[in-house]
Amino acid sequence: MSSERVSFTLGVVGLAATAWLSLVAWLRIAPPARPGAAMAPVPAASWDLALSRARRIDINAASGAELERLPGVGPALASRIIAYRQSAGPFATAEGLREVPGIGPKTFEALRDYVSVDG
């Protein structure tokens, strides 16, 4: 085999190996999303307070999935918020969340900066 052919073959193999390793590394960093997969609740510590104030969640209009994005709110608590909202009417203030079973003073304090009642 000529040296040019060996160089070409090694170049193609090296390129293929680089592409493969790049794909493997990318999949470890950003695994593909599964359609219909639920989002995990976001811990309060990871929220940027300034951003959260600009993008508060309206508790009178939020879906269960949107409520679950709030710190400390899982599927059960999101369901209770929606059920309370449907039976008692819209929340007049964010403090109305305290009336929802399972939301005590500590939970409300964790939610206060992330919710609104006016879109």
PDB file of N, CA and C in Angstrom:
ATOM      1  N   MET A   1       0.828  -1.157   0.000  1.00  0.00           N
ATOM      2  CA  MET A   1       0.000   0.000   0.000  1.00  0.00           C
ATOM      3  C   MET A   1       0.885   1.238   0.000  1.00  0.00           C
ATOM      4  N   SER A   2       0.475   2.233  -0.762  1.00  0.00           N
ATOM      5  CA  SER A   2       1.288   3.437  -0.838  1.00  0.00           C
ATOM      6  C   SER A   2       1.067   4.290   0.410  1.00  0.00           C
ATOM      7  N   SER A   3       2.045   5.141   0.663  1.00  0.00           N
ATOM      8  CA  SER A   3       1.966   5.989   1.851  1.00  0.00           C
ATOM      9  C   SER A   3       0.803   6.982   1.741  1.00  0.00           C
ATOM     10  N   GLU A   4       0.442   7.395   0.517  1.00  0.00           N
ATOM     11  CA  GLU A   4      -0.686   8.314   0.343  1.00  0.00           C
ATOM     12  C   GLU A   4      -1.992   7.640   0.725  1.00  0.00           C
ATOM     13  N   ARG A   5      -2.114   6.374   0.344  1.00  0.00           N
ATOM     14  CA  ARG A   5      -3.333   5.632   0.656  1.00  0.00           C
ATOM     15  C   ARG A   5      -3.430   5.382   2.156  1.00  0.00           C
ATOM     16  N   VAL A   6      -2.325   5.089   2.809  1.00  0.00           N
ATOM     17  CA  VAL A   6      -2.304   4.877   4.255  1.00  0.00           C
ATOM     18  C   VAL A   6      -2.685   6.171   4.961  1.00  0.00           C
ATOM     19  N   SER A   7      -2.142   7.286   4.526  1.00  0.00           N
ATOM     20  CA  SER A   7      -2.460   8.580   5.123  1.00  0.00           C
ATOM     21  C   SER A   7      -3.944   8.892   4.959  1.00  0.00           C
ATOM     22  N   PHE A   8      -4.484   8.631   3.772  1.00  0.00           N
ATOM     23  CA  PHE A   8      -5.898   8.877   3.526  1.00  0.00           C
ATOM     24  C   PHE A   8      -6.760   8.008   4.437  1.00  0.00           C
ATOM     25  N   THR A   9      -6.436   6.727   4.542  1.00  0.00           N
ATOM     26  CA  THR A   9      -7.190   5.796   5.374  1.00  0.00           C
ATOM     27  C   THR A   9      -7.146   6.223   6.839  1.00  0.00           C
ATOM     28  N   LEU A  10      -5.956   6.598   7.320  1.00  0.00           N
ATOM     29  CA  LEU A  10      -5.844   7.055   8.704  1.00  0.00           C
ATOM     30  C   LEU A  10      -6.635   8.345   8.933  1.00  0.00           C
ATOM     31  N   GLY A  11      -6.653   9.219   7.951  1.00  0.00           N
ATOM     32  CA  GLY A  11      -7.428  10.457   8.059  1.00  0.00           C
ATOM     33  C   GLY A  11      -8.920  10.186   8.165  1.00  0.00           C
ATOM     34  N   VAL A  12      -9.423   9.268   7.343  1.00  0.00           N
ATOM     35  CA  VAL A  12     -10.845   8.913   7.372  1.00  0.00           C
ATOM     36  C   VAL A  12     -11.193   8.252   8.705  1.00  0.00           C
ATOM     37  N   VAL A  13     -10.360   7.344   9.170  1.00  0.00           N
ATOM     38  CA  VAL A  13     -10.608   6.680  10.455  1.00  0.00           C
ATOM     39  C   VAL A  13     -10.564   7.702  11.593  1.00  0.00           C
ATOM     40  N   GLY A  14      -9.612   8.617  11.554  1.00  0.00           N
ATOM     41  CA  GLY A  14      -9.513   9.644  12.591  1.00  0.00           C
ATOM     42  C   GLY A  14     -10.725  10.555  12.602  1.00  0.00           C
ATOM     43  N   LEU A  15     -11.209  10.930  11.427  1.00  0.00           N
ATOM     44  CA  LEU A  15     -12.395  11.770  11.323  1.00  0.00           C
ATOM     45  C   LEU A  15     -13.626  11.046  11.864  1.00  0.00           C
ATOM     46  N   ALA A  16     -13.771   9.785  11.524  1.00  0.00           N
ATOM     47  CA  ALA A  16     -14.910   9.005  12.008  1.00  0.00           C
ATOM     48  C   ALA A  16     -14.853   8.854  13.529  1.00  0.00           C
ATOM     49  N   ALA A  17     -13.672   8.615  14.076  1.00  0.00           N
ATOM     50  CA  ALA A  17     -13.521   8.472  15.523  1.00  0.00           C
ATOM     51  C   ALA A  17     -13.841   9.782  16.232  1.00  0.00           C
ATOM     52  N   THR A  18     -13.405  10.893  15.673  1.00  0.00           N
ATOM     53  CA  THR A  18     -13.693  12.203  16.259  1.00  0.00           C
ATOM     54  C   THR A  18     -15.193  12.475  16.254  1.00  0.00           C
ATOM     55  N   ALA A  19     -15.844  12.167  15.148  1.00  0.00           N
ATOM     56  CA  ALA A  19     -17.286  12.371  15.059  1.00  0.00           C
ATOM     57  C   ALA A  19     -18.020  11.511  16.085  1.00  0.00           C
ATOM     58  N   TRP A  20     -17.610  10.255  16.220  1.00  0.00           N
ATOM     59  CA  TRP A  20     -18.238   9.347  17.175  1.00  0.00           C
ATOM     60  C   TRP A  20     -18.054   9.842  18.610  1.00  0.00           C
ATOM     61  N   LEU A  21     -16.848  10.239  18.973  1.00  0.00           N
ATOM     62  CA  LEU A  21     -16.594  10.710  20.332  1.00  0.00           C
ATOM     63  C   LEU A  21     -17.345  12.008  20.618  1.00  0.00           C
ATOM     64  N   SER A  22     -17.470  12.873  19.629  1.00  0.00           N
ATOM     65  CA  SER A  22     -18.237  14.111  19.797  1.00  0.00           C
ATOM     66  C   SER A  22     -19.702  13.805  20.048  1.00  0.00           C
ATOM     67  N   LEU A  23     -20.255  12.857  19.323  1.00  0.00           N
ATOM     68  CA  LEU A  23     -21.648  12.464  19.512  1.00  0.00           C
ATOM     69  C   LEU A  23     -21.865  11.876  20.902  1.00  0.00           C
ATOM     70  N   VAL A  24     -20.984  11.013  21.337  1.00  0.00           N
ATOM     71  CA  VAL A  24     -21.099  10.416  22.666  1.00  0.00           C
ATOM     72  C   VAL A  24     -21.020  11.487  23.749  1.00  0.00           C
ATOM     73  N   ALA A  25     -20.093  12.419  23.613  1.00  0.00           N
ATOM     74  CA  ALA A  25     -19.962  13.497  24.592  1.00  0.00           C
ATOM     75  C   ALA A  25     -21.208  14.372  24.599  1.00  0.00           C
ATOM     76  N   TRP A  26     -21.750  14.694  23.433  1.00  0.00           N
ATOM     77  CA  TRP A  26     -22.944  15.531  23.363  1.00  0.00           C
ATOM     78  C   TRP A  26     -24.139  14.841  24.016  1.00  0.00           C
ATOM     79  N   LEU A  27     -24.297  13.540  23.789  1.00  0.00           N
ATOM     80  CA  LEU A  27     -25.415  12.812  24.385  1.00  0.00           C
ATOM     81  C   LEU A  27     -25.307  12.749  25.904  1.00  0.00           C
ATOM     82  N   ARG A  28     -24.103  12.736  26.443  1.00  0.00           N
ATOM     83  CA  ARG A  28     -23.944  12.741  27.899  1.00  0.00           C
ATOM     84  C   ARG A  28     -24.291  14.102  28.477  1.00  0.00           C
ATOM     85  N   ILE A  29     -24.028  15.162  27.728  1.00  0.00           N
ATOM     86  CA  ILE A  29     -24.329  16.514  28.199  1.00  0.00           C
ATOM     87  C   ILE A  29     -25.810  16.816  28.011  1.00  0.00           C
ATOM     88  N   ALA A  30     -26.369  16.477  26.871  1.00  0.00           N
ATOM     89  CA  ALA A  30     -27.763  16.800  26.565  1.00  0.00           C
ATOM     90  C   ALA A  30     -28.488  15.561  26.069  1.00  0.00           C
ATOM     91  N   PRO A  31     -28.942  14.694  26.984  1.00  0.00           N
ATOM     92  CA  PRO A  31     -29.654  13.504  26.536  1.00  0.00           C
ATOM     93  C   PRO A  31     -30.956  13.907  25.846  1.00  0.00           C
ATOM     94  N   PRO A  32     -31.381  13.132  24.881  1.00  0.00           N
ATOM     95  CA  PRO A  32     -32.608  13.488  24.166  1.00  0.00           C
ATOM     96  C   PRO A  32     -33.806  13.467  25.104  1.00  0.00           C
ATOM     97  N   ALA A  33     -34.701  14.439  24.941  1.00  0.00           N
ATOM     98  CA  ALA A  33     -35.902  14.512  25.771  1.00  0.00           C
ATOM     99  C   ALA A  33     -36.886  13.449  25.310  1.00  0.00           C
ATOM    100  N   ARG A  34     -37.541  12.834  26.271  1.00  0.00           N
ATOM    101  CA  ARG A  34     -38.568  11.856  25.946  1.00  0.00           C
ATOM    102  C   ARG A  34     -39.882  12.605  25.761  1.00  0.00           C
ATOM    103  N   PRO A  35     -40.592  12.355  24.693  1.00  0.00           N
ATOM    104  CA  PRO A  35     -41.880  13.025  24.513  1.00  0.00           C
ATOM    105  C   PRO A  35     -42.817  12.690  25.670  1.00  0.00           C
ATOM    106  N   GLY A  36     -43.461  13.682  26.208  1.00  0.00           N
ATOM    107  CA  GLY A  36     -44.422  13.477  27.286  1.00  0.00           C
ATOM    108  C   GLY A  36     -43.801  13.336  28.663  1.00  0.00           C
ATOM    109  N   ALA A  37     -42.475  13.442  28.774  1.00  0.00           N
ATOM    110  CA  ALA A  37     -41.832  13.299  30.076  1.00  0.00           C
ATOM    111  C   ALA A  37     -42.135  14.525  30.930  1.00  0.00           C
ATOM    112  N   ALA A  38     -42.460  14.288  32.186  1.00  0.00           N
ATOM    113  CA  ALA A  38     -42.778  15.388  33.097  1.00  0.00           C
ATOM    114  C   ALA A  38     -41.502  16.076  33.534  1.00  0.00           C
ATOM    115  N   MET A  39     -41.596  17.373  33.732  1.00  0.00           N
ATOM    116  CA  MET A  39     -40.449  18.129  34.217  1.00  0.00           C
ATOM    117  C   MET A  39     -40.368  17.976  35.726  1.00  0.00           C
ATOM    118  N   ALA A  40     -39.168  17.819  36.212  1.00  0.00           N
ATOM    119  CA  ALA A  40     -38.977  17.721  37.655  1.00  0.00           C
ATOM    120  C   ALA A  40     -39.130  19.104  38.280  1.00  0.00           C
ATOM    121  N   PRO A  41     -39.625  19.168  39.516  1.00  0.00           N
ATOM    122  CA  PRO A  41     -39.701  20.464  40.188  1.00  0.00           C
ATOM    123  C   PRO A  41     -38.318  21.092  40.294  1.00  0.00           C
ATOM    124  N   VAL A  42     -38.254  22.379  40.141  1.00  0.00           N
ATOM    125  CA  VAL A  42     -36.987  23.098  40.193  1.00  0.00           C
ATOM    126  C   VAL A  42     -36.733  23.531  41.626  1.00  0.00           C
ATOM    127  N   PRO A  43     -35.594  23.134  42.221  1.00  0.00           N
ATOM    128  CA  PRO A  43     -35.319  23.551  43.593  1.00  0.00           C
ATOM    129  C   PRO A  43     -35.170  25.060  43.690  1.00  0.00           C
ATOM    130  N   ALA A  44     -35.607  25.612  44.818  1.00  0.00           N
ATOM    131  CA  ALA A  44     -35.590  27.062  45.005  1.00  0.00           C
ATOM    132  C   ALA A  44     -34.195  27.645  44.831  1.00  0.00           C
ATOM    133  N   ALA A  45     -33.172  26.915  45.244  1.00  0.00           N
ATOM    134  CA  ALA A  45     -31.805  27.434  45.194  1.00  0.00           C
ATOM    135  C   ALA A  45     -31.339  27.691  43.768  1.00  0.00           C
ATOM    136  N   SER A  46     -31.940  27.016  42.785  1.00  0.00           N
ATOM    137  CA  SER A  46     -31.465  27.171  41.416  1.00  0.00           C
ATOM    138  C   SER A  46     -32.177  28.287  40.658  1.00  0.00           C
ATOM    139  N   TRP A  47     -33.154  28.903  41.266  1.00  0.00           N
ATOM    140  CA  TRP A  47     -33.867  29.999  40.603  1.00  0.00           C
ATOM    141  C   TRP A  47     -33.085  31.288  40.726  1.00  0.00           C
ATOM    142  N   ASP A  48     -33.036  32.051  39.658  1.00  0.00           N
ATOM    143  CA  ASP A  48     -32.454  33.373  39.703  1.00  0.00           C
ATOM    144  C   ASP A  48     -33.574  34.315  40.126  1.00  0.00           C
ATOM    145  N   LEU A  49     -33.451  34.942  41.274  1.00  0.00           N
ATOM    146  CA  LEU A  49     -34.526  35.739  41.841  1.00  0.00           C
ATOM    147  C   LEU A  49     -34.966  36.857  40.912  1.00  0.00           C
ATOM    148  N   ALA A  50     -34.039  37.538  40.279  1.00  0.00           N
ATOM    149  CA  ALA A  50     -34.413  38.626  39.369  1.00  0.00           C
ATOM    150  C   ALA A  50     -35.236  38.096  38.199  1.00  0.00           C
ATOM    151  N   LEU A  51     -34.829  36.965  37.642  1.00  0.00           N
ATOM    152  CA  LEU A  51     -35.560  36.377  36.533  1.00  0.00           C
ATOM    153  C   LEU A  51     -36.925  35.905  36.992  1.00  0.00           C
ATOM    154  N   SER A  52     -36.995  35.313  38.183  1.00  0.00           N
ATOM    155  CA  SER A  52     -38.266  34.796  38.663  1.00  0.00           C
ATOM    156  C   SER A  52     -39.269  35.914  38.885  1.00  0.00           C
ATOM    157  N   ARG A  53     -38.810  37.070  39.313  1.00  0.00           N
ATOM    158  CA  ARG A  53     -39.727  38.191  39.512  1.00  0.00           C
ATOM    159  C   ARG A  53     -40.255  38.691  38.179  1.00  0.00           C
ATOM    160  N   ALA A  54     -39.446  38.592  37.140  1.00  0.00           N
ATOM    161  CA  ALA A  54     -39.883  39.015  35.813  1.00  0.00           C
ATOM    162  C   ALA A  54     -40.829  37.992  35.192  1.00  0.00           C
ATOM    163  N   ARG A  55     -40.748  36.760  35.617  1.00  0.00           N
ATOM    164  CA  ARG A  55     -41.543  35.678  35.036  1.00  0.00           C
ATOM    165  C   ARG A  55     -42.319  34.937  36.113  1.00  0.00           C
ATOM    166  N   ARG A  56     -43.069  35.629  36.886  1.00  0.00           N
ATOM    167  CA  ARG A  56     -43.871  34.977  37.925  1.00  0.00           C
ATOM    168  C   ARG A  56     -44.965  34.129  37.278  1.00  0.00           C
ATOM    169  N   ILE A  57     -45.372  33.109  37.995  1.00  0.00           N
ATOM    170  CA  ILE A  57     -46.433  32.227  37.513  1.00  0.00           C
ATOM    171  C   ILE A  57     -47.755  32.699  38.108  1.00  0.00           C
ATOM    172  N   ASP A  58     -48.733  32.927  37.240  1.00  0.00           N
ATOM    173  CA  ASP A  58     -50.058  33.347  37.675  1.00  0.00           C
ATOM    174  C   ASP A  58     -50.788  32.128  38.231  1.00  0.00           C
ATOM    175  N   ILE A  59     -50.996  32.109  39.536  1.00  0.00           N
ATOM    176  CA  ILE A  59     -51.598  30.938  40.177  1.00  0.00           C
ATOM    177  C   ILE A  59     -53.077  30.790  39.829  1.00  0.00           C
ATOM    178  N   ASN A  60     -53.691  31.818  39.265  1.00  0.00           N
ATOM    179  CA  ASN A  60     -55.089  31.721  38.843  1.00  0.00           C
ATOM    180  C   ASN A  60     -55.243  31.121  37.453  1.00  0.00           C
ATOM    181  N   ALA A  61     -54.181  31.059  36.688  1.00  0.00           N
ATOM    182  CA  ALA A  61     -54.264  30.554  35.318  1.00  0.00           C
ATOM    183  C   ALA A  61     -53.317  29.394  35.037  1.00  0.00           C
ATOM    184  N   ALA A  62     -52.401  29.113  35.946  1.00  0.00           N
ATOM    185  CA  ALA A  62     -51.361  28.109  35.691  1.00  0.00           C
ATOM    186  C   ALA A  62     -51.931  26.693  35.634  1.00  0.00           C
ATOM    187  N   SER A  63     -51.365  25.911  34.739  1.00  0.00           N
ATOM    188  CA  SER A  63     -51.700  24.483  34.659  1.00  0.00           C
ATOM    189  C   SER A  63     -50.932  23.738  35.746  1.00  0.00           C
ATOM    190  N   GLY A  64     -51.252  22.470  35.903  1.00  0.00           N
ATOM    191  CA  GLY A  64     -50.537  21.652  36.877  1.00  0.00           C
ATOM    192  C   GLY A  64     -49.052  21.583  36.583  1.00  0.00           C
ATOM    193  N   ALA A  65     -48.692  21.433  35.303  1.00  0.00           N
ATOM    194  CA  ALA A  65     -47.274  21.351  34.922  1.00  0.00           C
ATOM    195  C   ALA A  65     -46.549  22.656  35.237  1.00  0.00           C
ATOM    196  N   GLU A  66     -47.225  23.786  35.015  1.00  0.00           N
ATOM    197  CA  GLU A  66     -46.601  25.070  35.322  1.00  0.00           C
ATOM    198  C   GLU A  66     -46.411  25.233  36.832  1.00  0.00           C
ATOM    199  N   LEU A  67     -47.402  24.827  37.600  1.00  0.00           N
ATOM    200  CA  LEU A  67     -47.287  24.925  39.064  1.00  0.00           C
ATOM    201  C   LEU A  67     -46.164  24.041  39.590  1.00  0.00           C
ATOM    202  N   GLU A  68     -45.949  22.896  38.960  1.00  0.00           N
ATOM    203  CA  GLU A  68     -44.892  21.983  39.398  1.00  0.00           C
ATOM    204  C   GLU A  68     -43.501  22.561  39.184  1.00  0.00           C
ATOM    205  N   ARG A  69     -43.376  23.602  38.400  1.00  0.00           N
ATOM    206  CA  ARG A  69     -42.077  24.250  38.203  1.00  0.00           C
ATOM    207  C   ARG A  69     -41.705  25.110  39.401  1.00  0.00           C
ATOM    208  N   LEU A  70     -42.665  25.381  40.261  1.00  0.00           N
ATOM    209  CA  LEU A  70     -42.396  26.192  41.449  1.00  0.00           C
ATOM    210  C   LEU A  70     -41.594  25.382  42.469  1.00  0.00           C
ATOM    211  N   PRO A  71     -40.761  26.050  43.250  1.00  0.00           N
ATOM    212  CA  PRO A  71     -39.955  25.332  44.245  1.00  0.00           C
ATOM    213  C   PRO A  71     -40.844  24.670  45.300  1.00  0.00           C
ATOM    214  N   GLY A  72     -40.630  23.378  45.500  1.00  0.00           N
ATOM    215  CA  GLY A  72     -41.355  22.640  46.526  1.00  0.00           C
ATOM    216  C   GLY A  72     -42.736  22.172  46.119  1.00  0.00           C
ATOM    217  N   VAL A  73     -43.134  22.407  44.871  1.00  0.00           N
ATOM    218  CA  VAL A  73     -44.465  21.999  44.414  1.00  0.00           C
ATOM    219  C   VAL A  73     -44.326  20.786  43.504  1.00  0.00           C
ATOM    220  N   GLY A  74     -44.933  19.693  43.929  1.00  0.00           N
ATOM    221  CA  GLY A  74     -44.956  18.476  43.125  1.00  0.00           C
ATOM    222  C   GLY A  74     -46.353  18.255  42.574  1.00  0.00           C
ATOM    223  N   PRO A  75     -46.589  17.097  41.984  1.00  0.00           N
ATOM    224  CA  PRO A  75     -47.900  16.822  41.384  1.00  0.00           C
ATOM    225  C   PRO A  75     -49.064  16.903  42.376  1.00  0.00           C
ATOM    226  N   ALA A  76     -48.885  16.387  43.576  1.00  0.00           N
ATOM    227  CA  ALA A  76     -49.978  16.381  44.558  1.00  0.00           C
ATOM    228  C   ALA A  76     -50.338  17.803  44.980  1.00  0.00           C
ATOM    229  N   LEU A  77     -49.351  18.615  45.291  1.00  0.00           N
ATOM    230  CA  LEU A  77     -49.621  19.980  45.729  1.00  0.00           C
ATOM    231  C   LEU A  77     -50.184  20.818  44.580  1.00  0.00           C
ATOM    232  N   ALA A  78     -49.691  20.618  43.382  1.00  0.00           N
ATOM    233  CA  ALA A  78     -50.237  21.331  42.221  1.00  0.00           C
ATOM    234  C   ALA A  78     -51.715  20.997  42.038  1.00  0.00           C
ATOM    235  N   SER A  79     -52.064  19.726  42.222  1.00  0.00           N
ATOM    236  CA  SER A  79     -53.467  19.306  42.114  1.00  0.00           C
ATOM    237  C   SER A  79     -54.324  19.964  43.187  1.00  0.00           C
ATOM    238  N   ARG A  80     -53.791  20.076  44.408  1.00  0.00           N
ATOM    239  CA  ARG A  80     -54.549  20.721  45.489  1.00  0.00           C
ATOM    240  C   ARG A  80     -54.748  22.214  45.220  1.00  0.00           C
ATOM    241  N   ILE A  81     -53.734  22.864  44.643  1.00  0.00           N
ATOM    242  CA  ILE A  81     -53.871  24.287  44.304  1.00  0.00           C
ATOM    243  C   ILE A  81     -54.980  24.467  43.269  1.00  0.00           C
ATOM    244  N   ILE A  82     -54.979  23.626  42.240  1.00  0.00           N
ATOM    245  CA  ILE A  82     -55.993  23.724  41.193  1.00  0.00           C
ATOM    246  C   ILE A  82     -57.377  23.408  41.756  1.00  0.00           C
ATOM    247  N   ALA A  83     -57.479  22.373  42.579  1.00  0.00           N
ATOM    248  CA  ALA A  83     -58.769  22.007  43.169  1.00  0.00           C
ATOM    249  C   ALA A  83     -59.294  23.136  44.051  1.00  0.00           C
ATOM    250  N   TYR A  84     -58.417  23.740  44.834  1.00  0.00           N
ATOM    251  CA  TYR A  84     -58.833  24.851  45.691  1.00  0.00           C
ATOM    252  C   TYR A  84     -59.312  26.029  44.837  1.00  0.00           C
ATOM    253  N   ARG A  85     -58.581  26.325  43.793  1.00  0.00           N
ATOM    254  CA  ARG A  85     -58.921  27.426  42.892  1.00  0.00           C
ATOM    255  C   ARG A  85     -60.276  27.189  42.232  1.00  0.00           C
ATOM    256  N   GLN A  86     -60.561  25.935  41.866  1.00  0.00           N
ATOM    257  CA  GLN A  86     -61.829  25.612  41.220  1.00  0.00           C
ATOM    258  C   GLN A  86     -62.997  25.680  42.202  1.00  0.00           C
ATOM    259  N   SER A  87     -62.769  25.289  43.443  1.00  0.00           N
ATOM    260  CA  SER A  87     -63.873  25.291  44.405  1.00  0.00           C
ATOM    261  C   SER A  87     -64.087  26.647  45.061  1.00  0.00           C
ATOM    262  N   ALA A  88     -63.033  27.399  45.339  1.00  0.00           N
ATOM    263  CA  ALA A  88     -63.157  28.664  46.064  1.00  0.00           C
ATOM    264  C   ALA A  88     -63.089  29.878  45.145  1.00  0.00           C
ATOM    265  N   GLY A  89     -62.807  29.686  43.876  1.00  0.00           N
ATOM    266  CA  GLY A  89     -62.668  30.807  42.960  1.00  0.00           C
ATOM    267  C   GLY A  89     -61.229  31.269  42.885  1.00  0.00           C
ATOM    268  N   PRO A  90     -60.984  32.266  42.048  1.00  0.00           N
ATOM    269  CA  PRO A  90     -59.607  32.721  41.860  1.00  0.00           C
ATOM    270  C   PRO A  90     -59.028  33.322  43.142  1.00  0.00           C
ATOM    271  N   PHE A  91     -57.722  33.224  43.255  1.00  0.00           N
ATOM    272  CA  PHE A  91     -57.022  33.812  44.393  1.00  0.00           C
ATOM    273  C   PHE A  91     -57.045  35.330  44.252  1.00  0.00           C
ATOM    274  N   ALA A  92     -57.386  36.034  45.321  1.00  0.00           N
ATOM    275  CA  ALA A  92     -57.376  37.500  45.294  1.00  0.00           C
ATOM    276  C   ALA A  92     -55.952  38.025  45.435  1.00  0.00           C
ATOM    277  N   THR A  93     -55.148  37.332  46.239  1.00  0.00           N
ATOM    278  CA  THR A  93     -53.746  37.695  46.453  1.00  0.00           C
ATOM    279  C   THR A  93     -52.924  36.417  46.489  1.00  0.00           C
ATOM    280  N   ALA A  94     -51.626  36.572  46.379  1.00  0.00           N
ATOM    281  CA  ALA A  94     -50.742  35.404  46.470  1.00  0.00           C
ATOM    282  C   ALA A  94     -50.849  34.757  47.844  1.00  0.00           C
ATOM    283  N   GLU A  95     -51.122  35.543  48.879  1.00  0.00           N
ATOM    284  CA  GLU A  95     -51.250  35.015  50.235  1.00  0.00           C
ATOM    285  C   GLU A  95     -52.405  34.022  50.359  1.00  0.00           C
ATOM    286  N   GLY A  96     -53.323  34.047  49.403  1.00  0.00           N
ATOM    287  CA  GLY A  96     -54.418  33.084  49.397  1.00  0.00           C
ATOM    288  C   GLY A  96     -53.944  31.647  49.294  1.00  0.00           C
ATOM    289  N   LEU A  97     -52.728  31.459  48.820  1.00  0.00           N
ATOM    290  CA  LEU A  97     -52.164  30.092  48.759  1.00  0.00           C
ATOM    291  C   LEU A  97     -52.088  29.452  50.136  1.00  0.00           C
ATOM    292  N   ARG A  98     -52.035  30.264  51.181  1.00  0.00           N
ATOM    293  CA  ARG A  98     -51.952  29.722  52.540  1.00  0.00           C
ATOM    294  C   ARG A  98     -53.187  28.912  52.903  1.00  0.00           C
ATOM    295  N   GLU A  99     -54.278  29.134  52.201  1.00  0.00           N
ATOM    296  CA  GLU A  99     -55.512  28.401  52.461  1.00  0.00           C
ATOM    297  C   GLU A  99     -55.494  26.990  51.855  1.00  0.00           C
ATOM    298  N   VAL A 100     -54.577  26.742  50.951  1.00  0.00           N
ATOM    299  CA  VAL A 100     -54.488  25.435  50.291  1.00  0.00           C
ATOM    300  C   VAL A 100     -53.878  24.432  51.271  1.00  0.00           C
ATOM    301  N   PRO A 101     -54.537  23.296  51.480  1.00  0.00           N
ATOM    302  CA  PRO A 101     -53.966  22.285  52.373  1.00  0.00           C
ATOM    303  C   PRO A 101     -52.566  21.875  51.913  1.00  0.00           C
ATOM    304  N   GLY A 102     -51.621  21.896  52.829  1.00  0.00           N
ATOM    305  CA  GLY A 102     -50.243  21.515  52.517  1.00  0.00           C
ATOM    306  C   GLY A 102     -49.322  22.695  52.299  1.00  0.00           C
ATOM    307  N   ILE A 103     -49.875  23.911  52.274  1.00  0.00           N
ATOM    308  CA  ILE A 103     -49.029  25.098  52.141  1.00  0.00           C
ATOM    309  C   ILE A 103     -49.049  25.839  53.470  1.00  0.00           C
ATOM    310  N   GLY A 104     -47.979  25.657  54.199  1.00  0.00           N
ATOM    311  CA  GLY A 104     -47.818  26.334  55.472  1.00  0.00           C
ATOM    312  C   GLY A 104     -46.964  27.575  55.306  1.00  0.00           C
ATOM    313  N   PRO A 105     -46.597  28.204  56.413  1.00  0.00           N
ATOM    314  CA  PRO A 105     -45.801  29.432  56.340  1.00  0.00           C
ATOM    315  C   PRO A 105     -44.474  29.269  55.604  1.00  0.00           C
ATOM    316  N   LYS A 106     -43.762  28.183  55.861  1.00  0.00           N
ATOM    317  CA  LYS A 106     -42.456  27.989  55.209  1.00  0.00           C
ATOM    318  C   LYS A 106     -42.608  27.777  53.708  1.00  0.00           C
ATOM    319  N   THR A 107     -43.568  26.966  53.336  1.00  0.00           N
ATOM    320  CA  THR A 107     -43.786  26.709  51.913  1.00  0.00           C
ATOM    321  C   THR A 107     -44.206  27.994  51.205  1.00  0.00           C
ATOM    322  N   PHE A 108     -45.090  28.753  51.841  1.00  0.00           N
ATOM    323  CA  PHE A 108     -45.527  30.007  51.217  1.00  0.00           C
ATOM    324  C   PHE A 108     -44.361  30.978  51.053  1.00  0.00           C
ATOM    325  N   GLU A 109     -43.507  31.074  52.046  1.00  0.00           N
ATOM    326  CA  GLU A 109     -42.348  31.977  51.943  1.00  0.00           C
ATOM    327  C   GLU A 109     -41.441  31.569  50.785  1.00  0.00           C
ATOM    328  N   ALA A 110     -41.311  30.257  50.552  1.00  0.00           N
ATOM    329  CA  ALA A 110     -40.489  29.782  49.439  1.00  0.00           C
ATOM    330  C   ALA A 110     -41.128  30.120  48.091  1.00  0.00           C
ATOM    331  N   LEU A 111     -42.454  30.244  48.066  1.00  0.00           N
ATOM    332  CA  LEU A 111     -43.193  30.506  46.820  1.00  0.00           C
ATOM    333  C   LEU A 111     -43.442  31.976  46.550  1.00  0.00           C
ATOM    334  N   ARG A 112     -43.427  32.794  47.569  1.00  0.00           N
ATOM    335  CA  ARG A 112     -43.869  34.191  47.493  1.00  0.00           C
ATOM    336  C   ARG A 112     -43.284  34.951  46.301  1.00  0.00           C
ATOM    337  N   ASP A 113     -42.001  34.828  46.045  1.00  0.00           N
ATOM    338  CA  ASP A 113     -41.349  35.597  44.986  1.00  0.00           C
ATOM    339  C   ASP A 113     -41.565  35.026  43.583  1.00  0.00           C
ATOM    340  N   TYR A 114     -42.228  33.891  43.488  1.00  0.00           N
ATOM    341  CA  TYR A 114     -42.375  33.222  42.202  1.00  0.00           C
ATOM    342  C   TYR A 114     -43.800  33.198  41.679  1.00  0.00           C
ATOM    343  N   VAL A 115     -44.748  33.728  42.451  1.00  0.00           N
ATOM    344  CA  VAL A 115     -46.147  33.649  42.037  1.00  0.00           C
ATOM    345  C   VAL A 115     -46.783  35.037  41.962  1.00  0.00           C
ATOM    346  N   SER A 116     -47.845  35.105  41.174  1.00  0.00           N
ATOM    347  CA  SER A 116     -48.647  36.322  41.086  1.00  0.00           C
ATOM    348  C   SER A 116     -50.094  35.902  40.880  1.00  0.00           C
ATOM    349  N   VAL A 117     -50.995  36.869  40.931  1.00  0.00           N
ATOM    350  CA  VAL A 117     -52.404  36.589  40.684  1.00  0.00           C
ATOM    351  C   VAL A 117     -52.928  37.390  39.496  1.00  0.00           C
ATOM    352  N   ASP A 118     -52.014  37.957  38.718  1.00  0.00           N
ATOM    353  CA  ASP A 118     -52.435  38.820  37.618  1.00  0.00           C
ATOM    354  C   ASP A 118     -51.615  38.630  36.360  1.00  0.00           C
ATOM    355  N   GLY A 119     -51.536  37.415  35.870  1.00  0.00           N
ATOM    356  CA  GLY A 119     -50.858  37.163  34.593  1.00  0.00           C
ATOM    357  C   GLY A 119     -49.611  37.897  34.484  1.00  0.00           C
TER     358      GLY A 119
END
